[in-house]
Amino acid sequence: MPQESLQSSTQAGPEQRAAAPDWRAIREHLESVKSAVAKQIEHYPPPIPACDAQFNYLLEQRDGISAELRLLDELRANAATPEDCVRAAVRFVHSSRFIDADAAARFCALAPGNPPR
């Protein structure tokens, strides 16, 4: 289902495509951050359960990114107009714990009428 909501922007008319945020790029960015965290977890020395703060932090990061990916899909699916898409994407990018300022500026620069903050 997430793929369907991402693909729907490619089925929109030319004016909607021009105004639509690049949901796929935002998703790919979060997926790459999640992958980096997963690699750290994979190569982490065996932790002492519930006692290893760094390992627990990595698990929290992974779970947080997964939650943001679900939210991203939900926002995209619920945006009724191209303007709603842009507003939702800009709000999401600026509220994400896992999208740094440089990436946020790149994503928002692509959104018409929404200069980077």
PDB file of N, CA and C in Angstrom:
ATOM      1  N   MET A   1       0.793  -1.193   0.000  1.00  0.00           N
ATOM      2  CA  MET A   1       0.000   0.000   0.000  1.00  0.00           C
ATOM      3  C   MET A   1       0.843   1.268   0.000  1.00  0.00           C
ATOM      4  N   PRO A   2       1.950   1.369   0.765  1.00  0.00           N
ATOM      5  CA  PRO A   2       2.760   2.576   0.722  1.00  0.00           C
ATOM      6  C   PRO A   2       3.232   2.906  -0.682  1.00  0.00           C
ATOM      7  N   GLN A   3       3.612   1.916  -1.457  1.00  0.00           N
ATOM      8  CA  GLN A   3       4.055   2.182  -2.818  1.00  0.00           C
ATOM      9  C   GLN A   3       2.946   2.815  -3.640  1.00  0.00           C
ATOM     10  N   GLU A   4       1.695   2.363  -3.456  1.00  0.00           N
ATOM     11  CA  GLU A   4       0.588   2.921  -4.210  1.00  0.00           C
ATOM     12  C   GLU A   4       0.441   4.404  -3.930  1.00  0.00           C
ATOM     13  N   SER A   5       0.532   4.806  -2.658  1.00  0.00           N
ATOM     14  CA  SER A   5       0.358   6.217  -2.339  1.00  0.00           C
ATOM     15  C   SER A   5       1.502   7.050  -2.893  1.00  0.00           C
ATOM     16  N   LEU A   6       2.696   6.493  -2.959  1.00  0.00           N
ATOM     17  CA  LEU A   6       3.810   7.226  -3.548  1.00  0.00           C
ATOM     18  C   LEU A   6       3.639   7.344  -5.053  1.00  0.00           C
ATOM     19  N   GLN A   7       3.129   6.318  -5.679  1.00  0.00           N
ATOM     20  CA  GLN A   7       2.991   6.335  -7.123  1.00  0.00           C
ATOM     21  C   GLN A   7       1.844   7.208  -7.592  1.00  0.00           C
ATOM     22  N   SER A   8       0.875   7.503  -6.736  1.00  0.00           N
ATOM     23  CA  SER A   8      -0.275   8.265  -7.181  1.00  0.00           C
ATOM     24  C   SER A   8       0.115   9.654  -7.656  1.00  0.00           C
ATOM     25  N   SER A   9       1.215  10.223  -7.150  1.00  0.00           N
ATOM     26  CA  SER A   9       1.634  11.532  -7.619  1.00  0.00           C
ATOM     27  C   SER A   9       2.117  11.480  -9.062  1.00  0.00           C
ATOM     28  N   THR A  10       2.574  10.315  -9.523  1.00  0.00           N
ATOM     29  CA  THR A  10       3.009  10.217 -10.913  1.00  0.00           C
ATOM     30  C   THR A  10       1.829  10.058 -11.838  1.00  0.00           C
ATOM     31  N   GLN A  11       0.655   9.710 -11.303  1.00  0.00           N
ATOM     32  CA  GLN A  11      -0.530   9.557 -12.129  1.00  0.00           C
ATOM     33  C   GLN A  11      -1.337  10.845 -12.174  1.00  0.00           C
ATOM     34  N   ALA A  12      -0.939  11.865 -11.433  1.00  0.00           N
ATOM     35  CA  ALA A  12      -1.653  13.128 -11.403  1.00  0.00           C
ATOM     36  C   ALA A  12      -1.362  13.912 -12.676  1.00  0.00           C
ATOM     37  N   GLY A  13      -2.157  14.960 -12.894  1.00  0.00           N
ATOM     38  CA  GLY A  13      -1.951  15.821 -14.060  1.00  0.00           C
ATOM     39  C   GLY A  13      -0.673  16.615 -13.930  1.00  0.00           C
ATOM     40  N   PRO A  14      -0.228  17.286 -15.012  1.00  0.00           N
ATOM     41  CA  PRO A  14       1.042  18.026 -14.999  1.00  0.00           C
ATOM     42  C   PRO A  14       1.090  19.105 -13.917  1.00  0.00           C
ATOM     43  N   GLU A  15      -0.026  19.824 -13.688  1.00  0.00           N
ATOM     44  CA  GLU A  15      -0.010  20.873 -12.677  1.00  0.00           C
ATOM     45  C   GLU A  15       0.115  20.288 -11.273  1.00  0.00           C
ATOM     46  N   GLN A  16      -0.464  19.106 -11.043  1.00  0.00           N
ATOM     47  CA  GLN A  16      -0.339  18.470  -9.741  1.00  0.00           C
ATOM     48  C   GLN A  16       1.067  17.932  -9.546  1.00  0.00           C
ATOM     49  N   ARG A  17       1.661  17.347 -10.581  1.00  0.00           N
ATOM     50  CA  ARG A  17       3.030  16.829 -10.456  1.00  0.00           C
ATOM     51  C   ARG A  17       3.993  17.960 -10.154  1.00  0.00           C
ATOM     52  N   ALA A  18       3.793  19.125 -10.757  1.00  0.00           N
ATOM     53  CA  ALA A  18       4.694  20.248 -10.540  1.00  0.00           C
ATOM     54  C   ALA A  18       4.635  20.730  -9.094  1.00  0.00           C
ATOM     55  N   ALA A  19       3.446  20.628  -8.462  1.00  0.00           N
ATOM     56  CA  ALA A  19       3.283  21.120  -7.107  1.00  0.00           C
ATOM     57  C   ALA A  19       3.533  20.050  -6.053  1.00  0.00           C
ATOM     58  N   ALA A  20       3.620  18.803  -6.457  1.00  0.00           N
ATOM     59  CA  ALA A  20       3.742  17.711  -5.489  1.00  0.00           C
ATOM     60  C   ALA A  20       5.149  17.641  -4.917  1.00  0.00           C
ATOM     61  N   PRO A  21       5.266  17.400  -3.623  1.00  0.00           N
ATOM     62  CA  PRO A  21       6.590  17.216  -3.031  1.00  0.00           C
ATOM     63  C   PRO A  21       7.173  15.875  -3.480  1.00  0.00           C
ATOM     64  N   ASP A  22       8.449  15.745  -3.327  1.00  0.00           N
ATOM     65  CA  ASP A  22       9.107  14.500  -3.718  1.00  0.00           C
ATOM     66  C   ASP A  22       9.054  13.518  -2.564  1.00  0.00           C
ATOM     67  N   TRP A  23       7.877  12.890  -2.385  1.00  0.00           N
ATOM     68  CA  TRP A  23       7.666  11.943  -1.294  1.00  0.00           C
ATOM     69  C   TRP A  23       8.677  10.800  -1.361  1.00  0.00           C
ATOM     70  N   ARG A  24       8.976  10.352  -2.564  1.00  0.00           N
ATOM     71  CA  ARG A  24       9.908   9.237  -2.724  1.00  0.00           C
ATOM     72  C   ARG A  24      11.291   9.615  -2.185  1.00  0.00           C
ATOM     73  N   ALA A  25      11.752  10.828  -2.472  1.00  0.00           N
ATOM     74  CA  ALA A  25      13.072  11.263  -1.989  1.00  0.00           C
ATOM     75  C   ALA A  25      13.092  11.340  -0.463  1.00  0.00           C
ATOM     76  N   ILE A  26      12.005  11.830   0.131  1.00  0.00           N
ATOM     77  CA  ILE A  26      11.927  11.900   1.588  1.00  0.00           C
ATOM     78  C   ILE A  26      11.970  10.486   2.158  1.00  0.00           C
ATOM     79  N   ARG A  27      11.175   9.579   1.583  1.00  0.00           N
ATOM     80  CA  ARG A  27      11.135   8.178   2.025  1.00  0.00           C
ATOM     81  C   ARG A  27      12.514   7.530   1.877  1.00  0.00           C
ATOM     82  N   GLU A  28      13.165   7.741   0.732  1.00  0.00           N
ATOM     83  CA  GLU A  28      14.482   7.145   0.505  1.00  0.00           C
ATOM     84  C   GLU A  28      15.500   7.663   1.517  1.00  0.00           C
ATOM     85  N   HIS A  29      15.401   8.949   1.861  1.00  0.00           N
ATOM     86  CA  HIS A  29      16.314   9.507   2.857  1.00  0.00           C
ATOM     87  C   HIS A  29      16.117   8.807   4.201  1.00  0.00           C
ATOM     88  N   LEU A  30      14.855   8.682   4.629  1.00  0.00           N
ATOM     89  CA  LEU A  30      14.584   8.008   5.903  1.00  0.00           C
ATOM     90  C   LEU A  30      15.004   6.547   5.860  1.00  0.00           C
ATOM     91  N   GLU A  31      14.778   5.880   4.733  1.00  0.00           N
ATOM     92  CA  GLU A  31      15.190   4.482   4.596  1.00  0.00           C
ATOM     93  C   GLU A  31      16.710   4.359   4.711  1.00  0.00           C
ATOM     94  N   SER A  32      17.451   5.310   4.150  1.00  0.00           N
ATOM     95  CA  SER A  32      18.913   5.230   4.231  1.00  0.00           C
ATOM     96  C   SER A  32      19.395   5.465   5.663  1.00  0.00           C
ATOM     97  N   VAL A  33      18.727   6.369   6.387  1.00  0.00           N
ATOM     98  CA  VAL A  33      19.076   6.589   7.797  1.00  0.00           C
ATOM     99  C   VAL A  33      18.762   5.323   8.587  1.00  0.00           C
ATOM    100  N   LYS A  34      17.614   4.714   8.308  1.00  0.00           N
ATOM    101  CA  LYS A  34      17.227   3.480   9.000  1.00  0.00           C
ATOM    102  C   LYS A  34      18.221   2.362   8.698  1.00  0.00           C
ATOM    103  N   SER A  35      18.667   2.276   7.453  1.00  0.00           N
ATOM    104  CA  SER A  35      19.642   1.257   7.069  1.00  0.00           C
ATOM    105  C   SER A  35      20.961   1.450   7.810  1.00  0.00           C
ATOM    106  N   ALA A  36      21.390   2.694   7.946  1.00  0.00           N
ATOM    107  CA  ALA A  36      22.634   2.971   8.669  1.00  0.00           C
ATOM    108  C   ALA A  36      22.510   2.558  10.134  1.00  0.00           C
ATOM    109  N   VAL A  37      21.358   2.827  10.736  1.00  0.00           N
ATOM    110  CA  VAL A  37      21.130   2.426  12.125  1.00  0.00           C
ATOM    111  C   VAL A  37      21.103   0.900  12.220  1.00  0.00           C
ATOM    112  N   ALA A  38      20.448   0.249  11.273  1.00  0.00           N
ATOM    113  CA  ALA A  38      20.378  -1.219  11.277  1.00  0.00           C
ATOM    114  C   ALA A  38      21.778  -1.835  11.183  1.00  0.00           C
ATOM    115  N   LYS A  39      22.662  -1.236  10.371  1.00  0.00           N
ATOM    116  CA  LYS A  39      24.037  -1.739  10.264  1.00  0.00           C
ATOM    117  C   LYS A  39      24.779  -1.583  11.583  1.00  0.00           C
ATOM    118  N   GLN A  40      24.550  -0.451  12.265  1.00  0.00           N
ATOM    119  CA  GLN A  40      25.189  -0.258  13.567  1.00  0.00           C
ATOM    120  C   GLN A  40      24.701  -1.313  14.552  1.00  0.00           C
ATOM    121  N   ILE A  41      23.407  -1.596  14.525  1.00  0.00           N
ATOM    122  CA  ILE A  41      22.844  -2.611  15.416  1.00  0.00           C
ATOM    123  C   ILE A  41      23.422  -3.979  15.085  1.00  0.00           C
ATOM    124  N   GLU A  42      23.498  -4.279  13.788  1.00  0.00           N
ATOM    125  CA  GLU A  42      24.003  -5.582  13.333  1.00  0.00           C
ATOM    126  C   GLU A  42      25.446  -5.825  13.789  1.00  0.00           C
ATOM    127  N   HIS A  43      26.263  -4.778  13.772  1.00  0.00           N
ATOM    128  CA  HIS A  43      27.683  -4.935  14.097  1.00  0.00           C
ATOM    129  C   HIS A  43      28.007  -4.548  15.543  1.00  0.00           C
ATOM    130  N   TYR A  44      26.984  -4.338  16.321  1.00  0.00           N
ATOM    131  CA  TYR A  44      27.191  -3.943  17.711  1.00  0.00           C
ATOM    132  C   TYR A  44      27.630  -5.155  18.520  1.00  0.00           C
ATOM    133  N   PRO A  45      28.595  -4.979  19.410  1.00  0.00           N
ATOM    134  CA  PRO A  45      29.004  -6.104  20.251  1.00  0.00           C
ATOM    135  C   PRO A  45      27.824  -6.576  21.106  1.00  0.00           C
ATOM    136  N   PRO A  46      27.814  -7.821  21.489  1.00  0.00           N
ATOM    137  CA  PRO A  46      26.680  -8.332  22.277  1.00  0.00           C
ATOM    138  C   PRO A  46      26.431  -7.459  23.510  1.00  0.00           C
ATOM    139  N   PRO A  47      25.215  -6.904  23.596  1.00  0.00           N
ATOM    140  CA  PRO A  47      24.917  -6.026  24.733  1.00  0.00           C
ATOM    141  C   PRO A  47      24.465  -6.833  25.956  1.00  0.00           C
ATOM    142  N   ILE A  48      24.504  -6.153  27.056  1.00  0.00           N
ATOM    143  CA  ILE A  48      23.896  -6.695  28.262  1.00  0.00           C
ATOM    144  C   ILE A  48      22.451  -6.202  28.209  1.00  0.00           C
ATOM    145  N   PRO A  49      21.479  -7.084  28.096  1.00  0.00           N
ATOM    146  CA  PRO A  49      20.089  -6.663  27.908  1.00  0.00           C
ATOM    147  C   PRO A  49      19.645  -5.609  28.925  1.00  0.00           C
ATOM    148  N   ALA A  50      19.010  -4.572  28.398  1.00  0.00           N
ATOM    149  CA  ALA A  50      18.443  -3.466  29.179  1.00  0.00           C
ATOM    150  C   ALA A  50      19.480  -2.653  29.951  1.00  0.00           C
ATOM    151  N   CYS A  51      20.751  -2.931  29.752  1.00  0.00           N
ATOM    152  CA  CYS A  51      21.792  -2.190  30.470  1.00  0.00           C
ATOM    153  C   CYS A  51      22.688  -1.385  29.534  1.00  0.00           C
ATOM    154  N   ASP A  52      22.615  -1.639  28.271  1.00  0.00           N
ATOM    155  CA  ASP A  52      23.501  -0.985  27.312  1.00  0.00           C
ATOM    156  C   ASP A  52      22.777   0.211  26.688  1.00  0.00           C
ATOM    157  N   ALA A  53      23.089   1.398  27.192  1.00  0.00           N
ATOM    158  CA  ALA A  53      22.386   2.612  26.767  1.00  0.00           C
ATOM    159  C   ALA A  53      22.536   2.876  25.270  1.00  0.00           C
ATOM    160  N   GLN A  54      23.729   2.704  24.719  1.00  0.00           N
ATOM    161  CA  GLN A  54      23.942   2.968  23.291  1.00  0.00           C
ATOM    162  C   GLN A  54      23.138   2.010  22.425  1.00  0.00           C
ATOM    163  N   PHE A  55      23.121   0.737  22.765  1.00  0.00           N
ATOM    164  CA  PHE A  55      22.353  -0.242  22.002  1.00  0.00           C
ATOM    165  C   PHE A  55      20.861   0.083  22.083  1.00  0.00           C
ATOM    166  N   ASN A  56      20.381   0.401  23.284  1.00  0.00           N
ATOM    167  CA  ASN A  56      18.973   0.767  23.450  1.00  0.00           C
ATOM    168  C   ASN A  56      18.637   2.018  22.646  1.00  0.00           C
ATOM    169  N   TYR A  57      19.569   2.963  22.596  1.00  0.00           N
ATOM    170  CA  TYR A  57      19.378   4.179  21.794  1.00  0.00           C
ATOM    171  C   TYR A  57      19.228   3.817  20.317  1.00  0.00           C
ATOM    172  N   LEU A  58      20.072   2.923  19.824  1.00  0.00           N
ATOM    173  CA  LEU A  58      19.972   2.509  18.423  1.00  0.00           C
ATOM    174  C   LEU A  58      18.623   1.846  18.135  1.00  0.00           C
ATOM    175  N   LEU A  59      18.165   1.011  19.061  1.00  0.00           N
ATOM    176  CA  LEU A  59      16.852   0.384  18.883  1.00  0.00           C
ATOM    177  C   LEU A  59      15.740   1.436  18.854  1.00  0.00           C
ATOM    178  N   GLU A  60      15.843   2.445  19.715  1.00  0.00           N
ATOM    179  CA  GLU A  60      14.857   3.530  19.723  1.00  0.00           C
ATOM    180  C   GLU A  60      14.899   4.314  18.412  1.00  0.00           C
ATOM    181  N   GLN A  61      16.103   4.543  17.890  1.00  0.00           N
ATOM    182  CA  GLN A  61      16.252   5.234  16.606  1.00  0.00           C
ATOM    183  C   GLN A  61      15.545   4.445  15.500  1.00  0.00           C
ATOM    184  N   ARG A  62      15.820   3.160  15.434  1.00  0.00           N
ATOM    185  CA  ARG A  62      15.214   2.294  14.414  1.00  0.00           C
ATOM    186  C   ARG A  62      13.690   2.345  14.509  1.00  0.00           C
ATOM    187  N   ASP A  63      13.158   2.222  15.713  1.00  0.00           N
ATOM    188  CA  ASP A  63      11.714   2.244  15.898  1.00  0.00           C
ATOM    189  C   ASP A  63      11.125   3.611  15.561  1.00  0.00           C
ATOM    190  N   GLY A  64      11.841   4.667  15.905  1.00  0.00           N
ATOM    191  CA  GLY A  64      11.380   6.023  15.590  1.00  0.00           C
ATOM    192  C   GLY A  64      11.327   6.272  14.091  1.00  0.00           C
ATOM    193  N   ILE A  65      12.332   5.808  13.375  1.00  0.00           N
ATOM    194  CA  ILE A  65      12.353   5.971  11.917  1.00  0.00           C
ATOM    195  C   ILE A  65      11.205   5.181  11.298  1.00  0.00           C
ATOM    196  N   SER A  66      10.970   3.983  11.780  1.00  0.00           N
ATOM    197  CA  SER A  66       9.850   3.182  11.270  1.00  0.00           C
ATOM    198  C   SER A  66       8.530   3.912  11.490  1.00  0.00           C
ATOM    199  N   ALA A  67       8.363   4.524  12.647  1.00  0.00           N
ATOM    200  CA  ALA A  67       7.137   5.276  12.934  1.00  0.00           C
ATOM    201  C   ALA A  67       7.002   6.469  11.987  1.00  0.00           C
ATOM    202  N   GLU A  68       8.107   7.156  11.712  1.00  0.00           N
ATOM    203  CA  GLU A  68       8.053   8.298  10.797  1.00  0.00           C
ATOM    204  C   GLU A  68       7.739   7.841   9.373  1.00  0.00           C
ATOM    205  N   LEU A  69       8.251   6.704   8.970  1.00  0.00           N
ATOM    206  CA  LEU A  69       7.925   6.188   7.639  1.00  0.00           C
ATOM    207  C   LEU A  69       6.429   5.889   7.525  1.00  0.00           C
ATOM    208  N   ARG A  70       5.844   5.310   8.574  1.00  0.00           N
ATOM    209  CA  ARG A  70       4.393   5.060   8.568  1.00  0.00           C
ATOM    210  C   ARG A  70       3.621   6.376   8.500  1.00  0.00           C
ATOM    211  N   LEU A  71       4.065   7.372   9.268  1.00  0.00           N
ATOM    212  CA  LEU A  71       3.424   8.679   9.257  1.00  0.00           C
ATOM    213  C   LEU A  71       3.532   9.327   7.879  1.00  0.00           C
ATOM    214  N   LEU A  72       4.690   9.228   7.266  1.00  0.00           N
ATOM    215  CA  LEU A  72       4.884   9.784   5.926  1.00  0.00           C
ATOM    216  C   LEU A  72       3.873   9.197   4.945  1.00  0.00           C
ATOM    217  N   ASP A  73       3.712   7.879   4.977  1.00  0.00           N
ATOM    218  CA  ASP A  73       2.749   7.225   4.094  1.00  0.00           C
ATOM    219  C   ASP A  73       1.323   7.678   4.395  1.00  0.00           C
ATOM    220  N   GLU A  74       1.022   7.831   5.668  1.00  0.00           N
ATOM    221  CA  GLU A  74      -0.322   8.257   6.075  1.00  0.00           C
ATOM    222  C   GLU A  74      -0.606   9.685   5.607  1.00  0.00           C
ATOM    223  N   LEU A  75       0.350  10.575   5.801  1.00  0.00           N
ATOM    224  CA  LEU A  75       0.182  11.960   5.359  1.00  0.00           C
ATOM    225  C   LEU A  75      -0.037  12.031   3.857  1.00  0.00           C
ATOM    226  N   ARG A  76       0.751  11.292   3.123  1.00  0.00           N
ATOM    227  CA  ARG A  76       0.645  11.294   1.659  1.00  0.00           C
ATOM    228  C   ARG A  76      -0.716  10.762   1.224  1.00  0.00           C
ATOM    229  N   ALA A  77      -1.164   9.699   1.861  1.00  0.00           N
ATOM    230  CA  ALA A  77      -2.443   9.096   1.480  1.00  0.00           C
ATOM    231  C   ALA A  77      -3.624  10.005   1.826  1.00  0.00           C
ATOM    232  N   ASN A  78      -3.496  10.821   2.861  1.00  0.00           N
ATOM    233  CA  ASN A  78      -4.607  11.665   3.308  1.00  0.00           C
ATOM    234  C   ASN A  78      -4.603  13.070   2.721  1.00  0.00           C
ATOM    235  N   ALA A  79      -3.602  13.424   1.959  1.00  0.00           N
ATOM    236  CA  ALA A  79      -3.542  14.759   1.360  1.00  0.00           C
ATOM    237  C   ALA A  79      -4.522  14.812   0.189  1.00  0.00           C
ATOM    238  N   ALA A  80      -5.506  15.707   0.291  1.00  0.00           N
ATOM    239  CA  ALA A  80      -6.579  15.762  -0.698  1.00  0.00           C
ATOM    240  C   ALA A  80      -6.212  16.570  -1.938  1.00  0.00           C
ATOM    241  N   THR A  81      -5.359  17.558  -1.787  1.00  0.00           N
ATOM    242  CA  THR A  81      -5.005  18.431  -2.906  1.00  0.00           C
ATOM    243  C   THR A  81      -3.484  18.540  -3.001  1.00  0.00           C
ATOM    244  N   PRO A  82      -2.992  19.029  -4.126  1.00  0.00           N
ATOM    245  CA  PRO A  82      -1.543  19.249  -4.235  1.00  0.00           C
ATOM    246  C   PRO A  82      -1.026  20.207  -3.155  1.00  0.00           C
ATOM    247  N   GLU A  83      -1.829  21.208  -2.819  1.00  0.00           N
ATOM    248  CA  GLU A  83      -1.420  22.153  -1.777  1.00  0.00           C
ATOM    249  C   GLU A  83      -1.315  21.450  -0.429  1.00  0.00           C
ATOM    250  N   ASP A  84      -2.265  20.548  -0.148  1.00  0.00           N
ATOM    251  CA  ASP A  84      -2.197  19.762   1.086  1.00  0.00           C
ATOM    252  C   ASP A  84      -0.925  18.911   1.105  1.00  0.00           C
ATOM    253  N   CYS A  85      -0.578  18.354  -0.043  1.00  0.00           N
ATOM    254  CA  CYS A  85       0.640  17.539  -0.149  1.00  0.00           C
ATOM    255  C   CYS A  85       1.862  18.363   0.222  1.00  0.00           C
ATOM    256  N   VAL A  86       1.949  19.553  -0.334  1.00  0.00           N
ATOM    257  CA  VAL A  86       3.108  20.409  -0.078  1.00  0.00           C
ATOM    258  C   VAL A  86       3.168  20.785   1.388  1.00  0.00           C
ATOM    259  N   ARG A  87       2.044  21.238   1.941  1.00  0.00           N
ATOM    260  CA  ARG A  87       2.027  21.630   3.357  1.00  0.00           C
ATOM    261  C   ARG A  87       2.386  20.454   4.266  1.00  0.00           C
ATOM    262  N   ALA A  88       1.805  19.295   3.979  1.00  0.00           N
ATOM    263  CA  ALA A  88       2.078  18.114   4.808  1.00  0.00           C
ATOM    264  C   ALA A  88       3.555  17.718   4.728  1.00  0.00           C
ATOM    265  N   ALA A  89       4.110  17.737   3.528  1.00  0.00           N
ATOM    266  CA  ALA A  89       5.513  17.354   3.362  1.00  0.00           C
ATOM    267  C   ALA A  89       6.443  18.321   4.072  1.00  0.00           C
ATOM    268  N   VAL A  90       6.179  19.614   3.942  1.00  0.00           N
ATOM    269  CA  VAL A  90       7.036  20.611   4.585  1.00  0.00           C
ATOM    270  C   VAL A  90       6.952  20.475   6.101  1.00  0.00           C
ATOM    271  N   ARG A  91       5.734  20.322   6.631  1.00  0.00           N
ATOM    272  CA  ARG A  91       5.586  20.127   8.087  1.00  0.00           C
ATOM    273  C   ARG A  91       6.308  18.863   8.539  1.00  0.00           C
ATOM    274  N   PHE A  92       6.141  17.792   7.773  1.00  0.00           N
ATOM    275  CA  PHE A  92       6.780  16.531   8.136  1.00  0.00           C
ATOM    276  C   PHE A  92       8.297  16.672   8.162  1.00  0.00           C
ATOM    277  N   VAL A  93       8.854  17.230   7.097  1.00  0.00           N
ATOM    278  CA  VAL A  93      10.313  17.370   6.979  1.00  0.00           C
ATOM    279  C   VAL A  93      10.877  18.185   8.141  1.00  0.00           C
ATOM    280  N   HIS A  94      10.178  19.266   8.506  1.00  0.00           N
ATOM    281  CA  HIS A  94      10.687  20.119   9.586  1.00  0.00           C
ATOM    282  C   HIS A  94      10.451  19.530  10.971  1.00  0.00           C
ATOM    283  N   SER A  95       9.525  18.592  11.091  1.00  0.00           N
ATOM    284  CA  SER A  95       9.270  18.003  12.404  1.00  0.00           C
ATOM    285  C   SER A  95      10.006  16.675  12.607  1.00  0.00           C
ATOM    286  N   SER A  96      10.575  16.130  11.545  1.00  0.00           N
ATOM    287  CA  SER A  96      11.248  14.834  11.636  1.00  0.00           C
ATOM    288  C   SER A  96      12.486  14.913  12.522  1.00  0.00           C
ATOM    289  N   ARG A  97      12.643  13.913  13.364  1.00  0.00           N
ATOM    290  CA  ARG A  97      13.854  13.809  14.191  1.00  0.00           C
ATOM    291  C   ARG A  97      15.022  13.244  13.397  1.00  0.00           C
ATOM    292  N   PHE A  98      14.743  12.724  12.201  1.00  0.00           N
ATOM    293  CA  PHE A  98      15.760  11.984  11.462  1.00  0.00           C
ATOM    294  C   PHE A  98      16.135  12.626  10.131  1.00  0.00           C
ATOM    295  N   ILE A  99      15.625  13.804   9.872  1.00  0.00           N
ATOM    296  CA  ILE A  99      15.997  14.554   8.667  1.00  0.00           C
ATOM    297  C   ILE A  99      16.757  15.778   9.144  1.00  0.00           C
ATOM    298  N   ASP A 100      18.035  15.851   8.783  1.00  0.00           N
ATOM    299  CA  ASP A 100      18.840  16.979   9.242  1.00  0.00           C
ATOM    300  C   ASP A 100      18.490  18.247   8.469  1.00  0.00           C
ATOM    301  N   ALA A 101      19.031  19.380   8.910  1.00  0.00           N
ATOM    302  CA  ALA A 101      18.690  20.683   8.333  1.00  0.00           C
ATOM    303  C   ALA A 101      19.030  20.766   6.848  1.00  0.00           C
ATOM    304  N   ASP A 102      20.173  20.203   6.436  1.00  0.00           N
ATOM    305  CA  ASP A 102      20.561  20.254   5.028  1.00  0.00           C
ATOM    306  C   ASP A 102      19.582  19.479   4.154  1.00  0.00           C
ATOM    307  N   ALA A 103      19.213  18.287   4.588  1.00  0.00           N
ATOM    308  CA  ALA A 103      18.253  17.484   3.822  1.00  0.00           C
ATOM    309  C   ALA A 103      16.894  18.172   3.805  1.00  0.00           C
ATOM    310  N   ALA A 104      16.472  18.739   4.923  1.00  0.00           N
ATOM    311  CA  ALA A 104      15.190  19.445   4.978  1.00  0.00           C
ATOM    312  C   ALA A 104      15.187  20.612   3.993  1.00  0.00           C
ATOM    313  N   ALA A 105      16.275  21.343   3.937  1.00  0.00           N
ATOM    314  CA  ALA A 105      16.365  22.474   3.007  1.00  0.00           C
ATOM    315  C   ALA A 105      16.258  21.992   1.555  1.00  0.00           C
ATOM    316  N   ARG A 106      16.895  20.869   1.240  1.00  0.00           N
ATOM    317  CA  ARG A 106      16.815  20.324  -0.127  1.00  0.00           C
ATOM    318  C   ARG A 106      15.387  19.928  -0.466  1.00  0.00           C
ATOM    319  N   PHE A 107      14.724  19.231   0.448  1.00  0.00           N
ATOM    320  CA  PHE A 107      13.352  18.792   0.180  1.00  0.00           C
ATOM    321  C   PHE A 107      12.412  19.977   0.044  1.00  0.00           C
ATOM    322  N   CYS A 108      12.558  20.961   0.917  1.00  0.00           N
ATOM    323  CA  CYS A 108      11.643  22.103   0.906  1.00  0.00           C
ATOM    324  C   CYS A 108      11.910  23.045  -0.258  1.00  0.00           C
ATOM    325  N   ALA A 109      13.121  23.073  -0.757  1.00  0.00           N
ATOM    326  CA  ALA A 109      13.426  23.907  -1.913  1.00  0.00           C
ATOM    327  C   ALA A 109      12.652  23.432  -3.136  1.00  0.00           C
ATOM    328  N   LEU A 110      12.276  22.181  -3.153  1.00  0.00           N
ATOM    329  CA  LEU A 110      11.515  21.626  -4.269  1.00  0.00           C
ATOM    330  C   LEU A 110      10.026  21.902  -4.153  1.00  0.00           C
ATOM    331  N   ALA A 111       9.569  22.328  -2.992  1.00  0.00           N
ATOM    332  CA  ALA A 111       8.143  22.569  -2.768  1.00  0.00           C
ATOM    333  C   ALA A 111       7.808  24.000  -3.146  1.00  0.00           C
ATOM    334  N   PRO A 112       6.946  24.207  -4.147  1.00  0.00           N
ATOM    335  CA  PRO A 112       6.599  25.550  -4.604  1.00  0.00           C
ATOM    336  C   PRO A 112       6.030  26.400  -3.466  1.00  0.00           C
ATOM    337  N   GLY A 113       6.534  27.633  -3.335  1.00  0.00           N
ATOM    338  CA  GLY A 113       6.017  28.552  -2.349  1.00  0.00           C
ATOM    339  C   GLY A 113       6.435  28.246  -0.920  1.00  0.00           C
ATOM    340  N   ASN A 114       7.345  27.335  -0.723  1.00  0.00           N
ATOM    341  CA  ASN A 114       7.791  26.956   0.620  1.00  0.00           C
ATOM    342  C   ASN A 114       9.311  27.006   0.694  1.00  0.00           C
ATOM    343  N   PRO A 115       9.879  28.186   0.897  1.00  0.00           N
ATOM    344  CA  PRO A 115      11.335  28.271   0.992  1.00  0.00           C
ATOM    345  C   PRO A 115      11.838  27.552   2.228  1.00  0.00           C
ATOM    346  N   PRO A 116      13.066  27.056   2.171  1.00  0.00           N
ATOM    347  CA  PRO A 116      13.638  26.367   3.335  1.00  0.00           C
ATOM    348  C   PRO A 116      13.693  27.297   4.537  1.00  0.00           C
ATOM    349  N   ARG A 117      13.551  26.714   5.726  1.00  0.00           N
ATOM    350  CA  ARG A 117      13.628  27.518   6.972  1.00  0.00           C
ATOM    351  C   ARG A 117      15.036  27.524   7.489  1.00  0.00           C
TER     352      ARG A 117
END
